Protein backbone atom coordinates (compact mmCIF):
# COMPACT_ATOMS: atom_id res chain seq x y z
CA MET A 1 0.03 -0.14 0.01
CA THR A 2 1.13 3.48 -0.67
CA GLU A 3 0.68 6.41 2.01
CA ALA A 4 -2.36 7.54 -0.22
CA ASP A 5 -3.87 4.22 0.14
CA ILE A 6 -3.07 4.20 4.02
CA ALA A 7 -4.72 7.48 4.43
CA ALA A 8 -7.68 6.28 2.68
CA ALA A 9 -8.20 3.33 4.68
CA SER A 10 -7.91 5.57 7.88
CA GLY A 11 -10.74 7.83 6.43
CA LEU A 12 -8.52 11.07 6.32
CA PRO A 13 -7.14 13.08 3.38
CA LEU A 14 -3.32 12.27 2.82
CA HIS A 15 -2.02 15.71 3.82
CA THR A 16 -4.01 15.33 7.32
CA TRP A 17 -3.00 11.64 7.95
CA ARG A 18 0.61 12.73 7.16
CA ARG A 19 0.48 15.58 9.61
CA ARG A 20 -1.05 13.51 12.35
CA HIS A 21 -0.22 9.90 12.04
CA GLY A 22 2.71 9.75 9.46
CA ALA A 23 5.79 9.99 11.59
CA ASP A 24 4.15 7.41 13.96
CA PHE A 25 3.41 4.78 11.14
CA ARG A 26 6.78 5.35 9.45
CA ALA A 27 8.51 4.33 12.90
CA ARG A 28 6.57 1.31 13.42
CA VAL A 29 5.90 -0.08 9.94
CA HIS A 30 9.04 -0.47 7.46
CA VAL A 31 9.02 0.15 3.65
CA VAL A 32 8.80 -3.19 1.61
CA ILE A 33 11.50 -1.95 -0.85
CA PRO A 34 14.00 0.10 1.00
CA GLY A 35 15.55 2.99 -1.17
CA ALA A 36 12.75 3.15 -3.84
CA ARG A 37 11.19 6.31 -4.59
CA LEU A 38 7.89 5.11 -4.37
CA LYS A 39 7.36 3.79 -0.65
CA LEU A 40 5.08 0.80 -0.38
CA TYR A 41 3.97 -1.11 2.84
CA ASP A 42 3.05 -4.43 3.55
CA THR A 43 -0.90 -4.51 3.31
CA SER A 44 -1.44 -6.78 6.39
CA GLN A 45 1.04 -4.58 8.77
CA ALA A 46 -0.68 -1.17 7.44
CA LEU A 47 -4.09 -2.35 8.32
CA ALA A 48 -3.11 -3.74 11.53
CA HIS A 49 -1.48 -0.56 12.70
CA ILE A 50 -4.53 1.43 11.47
CA ALA A 51 -6.80 -0.94 13.67
CA GLY A 52 -4.40 -0.45 16.65
CA LYS A 53 -3.23 -4.16 16.46
CA ALA A 54 0.01 -5.71 16.73
CA LEU A 55 1.86 -5.72 13.72
CA PRO A 56 2.00 -9.17 12.14
CA THR A 57 5.41 -10.68 11.10
CA LEU A 58 6.10 -10.50 7.84
CA ARG A 59 6.37 -13.91 5.83
CA ASP A 60 9.70 -15.68 5.82
CA GLU A 61 12.28 -15.00 3.27
CA ARG A 62 11.11 -17.78 0.74
CA LEU A 63 10.17 -16.37 -2.53
CA HIS A 64 6.44 -16.54 -3.72
CA PRO A 65 5.78 -16.82 -7.34
CA ASP A 66 3.01 -13.99 -7.11
CA ASP A 67 5.38 -11.48 -5.75
CA LEU A 68 5.39 -8.38 -7.83
CA LEU A 69 8.94 -7.15 -9.02
CA ASN A 70 9.86 -3.74 -10.37
CA ASP A 71 12.19 -3.24 -13.30
CA LYS A 72 15.42 -3.47 -11.29
CA GLU A 73 14.31 -6.67 -9.25
CA ALA A 74 13.29 -8.34 -12.12
CA GLY A 75 16.48 -7.14 -13.81
CA ASP A 76 18.55 -8.88 -10.59
CA VAL A 77 16.58 -12.22 -11.27
CA LEU A 78 17.38 -12.33 -15.12
CA GLY A 79 21.05 -10.71 -14.73
CA ILE A 80 20.36 -7.64 -16.76
CA ASP A 81 19.85 -3.87 -16.43
CA ALA A 82 16.46 -2.49 -15.58
CA SER A 83 16.26 -0.72 -18.87
CA THR A 84 16.87 -4.08 -20.76
CA VAL A 85 13.89 -5.45 -18.51
CA ARG A 86 11.67 -2.54 -19.89
CA ALA A 87 12.98 -2.89 -23.31
CA TYR A 88 12.20 -6.74 -23.22
CA ALA A 89 8.62 -5.90 -22.04
CA ALA A 90 8.09 -3.43 -24.84
CA THR A 91 9.29 -5.93 -27.69
CA GLY A 92 7.04 -8.68 -26.37
CA TYR A 93 10.32 -10.58 -25.23
CA LEU A 94 9.03 -10.36 -21.55
CA ASP A 95 5.44 -10.27 -20.32
CA SER A 96 4.29 -6.92 -20.41
CA GLY A 97 3.52 -6.74 -16.64
CA THR A 98 0.98 -5.13 -14.93
CA GLN A 99 0.35 -1.35 -13.83
CA ARG A 100 -0.24 -0.56 -10.35
CA HIS A 101 0.84 3.11 -8.46
CA GLY A 102 1.84 4.43 -11.81
CA ARG A 103 4.47 1.97 -12.20
CA THR A 104 5.01 -1.65 -14.17
CA TRP A 105 5.16 -4.53 -12.07
CA TRP A 106 6.23 -8.31 -13.14
CA PRO A 107 5.02 -11.37 -11.41
CA ARG A 108 8.11 -13.56 -10.33
CA HIS A 109 6.86 -16.39 -11.98
CA ALA A 110 6.88 -14.60 -15.16
CA VAL A 111 10.47 -13.21 -14.63
CA GLU A 112 11.69 -16.61 -13.77
CA ALA A 113 10.10 -18.48 -16.69
CA ARG A 114 11.81 -16.08 -18.77
CA ARG A 115 15.17 -16.79 -17.30
CA GLU A 116 14.50 -20.53 -17.67
CA ALA A 117 13.44 -20.33 -21.05
CA GLY A 118 16.77 -19.19 -22.10
CA ASP A 119 17.90 -16.61 -25.16
CA GLN A 120 15.33 -16.98 -27.73
CA ARG A 121 15.49 -13.48 -29.08
CA GLN A 122 16.84 -14.77 -32.44
CA TYR A 123 13.64 -16.82 -32.79
CA ASN A 124 11.33 -15.28 -35.71
CA PRO A 125 7.79 -16.67 -35.38
CA GLY A 126 6.97 -15.11 -38.57
CA PRO A 127 4.84 -12.11 -39.15
CA GLN A 128 3.04 -10.88 -36.31
CA PRO A 129 -0.21 -9.01 -36.56
CA ASN A 130 -0.61 -5.30 -36.70
CA ASN A 131 3.22 -5.26 -37.26
CA PRO A 132 4.09 -2.20 -39.69
CA ARG A 133 6.49 -4.00 -41.58
CA ASN A 134 3.61 -6.19 -42.78
CA ARG A 135 2.18 -3.67 -44.79
CA VAL A 136 2.03 -4.36 -48.65
CA PRO A 137 4.65 -2.29 -50.16
CA ARG A 138 3.31 0.85 -52.44
CA PRO A 139 3.52 0.10 -56.16
CA ARG A 140 6.51 1.41 -57.85
CA HIS A 141 4.68 2.06 -60.99
CA ASP A 142 1.48 3.63 -61.23
CA PRO A 143 -0.60 2.45 -64.08
CA ARG A 144 -1.97 5.89 -64.93
CA ILE A 145 1.23 7.20 -66.01
CA PRO A 146 1.67 5.67 -69.35
CA GLU A 147 -1.99 6.70 -70.10
CA ILE A 148 -1.12 10.29 -68.98
CA ALA A 149 2.05 9.97 -71.22
CA GLU A 150 0.14 9.22 -74.20
CA LEU A 151 -2.22 11.95 -73.42
CA THR A 152 0.76 14.40 -73.01
CA CYS A 153 2.69 13.35 -76.04
CA ARG A 154 -0.61 13.94 -78.11
CA SER A 155 -1.48 17.41 -76.95
CA GLN A 156 -1.07 19.57 -74.04
CA VAL A 157 -2.91 18.31 -70.78
CA THR A 158 -3.00 20.36 -67.88
CA SER A 159 -2.93 19.01 -64.14
CA THR A 160 -6.63 20.25 -63.67
CA GLU A 161 -8.00 18.13 -66.62
CA ILE A 162 -5.97 15.33 -65.16
CA ALA A 163 -7.30 15.77 -61.79
CA GLN A 164 -10.89 15.80 -62.88
CA ARG A 165 -10.36 12.65 -65.37
CA TYR A 166 -8.67 10.57 -62.64
CA GLN A 167 -10.54 12.22 -59.78
CA VAL A 168 -7.30 13.00 -57.79
CA SER A 169 -5.85 15.81 -55.96
CA THR A 170 -4.44 18.82 -57.68
CA ARG A 171 -0.99 17.76 -56.28
CA THR A 172 -1.60 14.00 -57.18
CA ALA A 173 -2.46 15.24 -60.79
CA GLN A 174 0.77 17.35 -61.06
CA ARG A 175 2.99 14.40 -59.76
CA LEU A 176 1.54 12.27 -62.44
CA LEU A 177 1.70 14.68 -65.06
CA THR A 178 5.49 15.23 -64.14
CA ALA A 179 5.98 11.57 -64.15
CA ALA A 180 4.23 11.11 -67.50
CA ARG A 181 6.41 13.90 -69.08
CA THR A 182 9.71 12.32 -68.04
CA HIS A 183 8.00 8.90 -69.41
CA CYS A 184 7.17 10.58 -72.68
CA GLY A 185 10.65 12.15 -72.86
CA ASN A 186 9.42 15.86 -73.09
């Protein structure tokens, strides 16, 4: 839980909770990830402190597969840098993670599965849906150019006439006319 979540659970605005209860809370309940910018607290300990009960002990050091890891922790598990974890998630090489508290978190089981699978970045499964590389290339030859070249070679044709005849914009008509003139040799 963040301090905003704890204040909401207490029924107080965040600034009031920080002023009245923040210092006492921080002295008794320790953050889950020391040194992180976002201060997260264990939910069971935070709720017990709000209720005035004894704080439950945190579970033992065994790692749970559903633990959420930030990019630095996931990088430590994979043996890579945090920026590489984010790049892996962006390219689909690693699970995209879940958004919580304005940050991306990866479940430990997904990160460990990536580690156990080995390096498969060279594997290309083929065209992916919605990949911009899958687009059909633009035709290099416009079939209208020989027709316009024939008209241009016989008589003087303007771009306005071409725009009306082929129902295209004036700029496209100018482009077609220029290509037809080079095709005709004028």
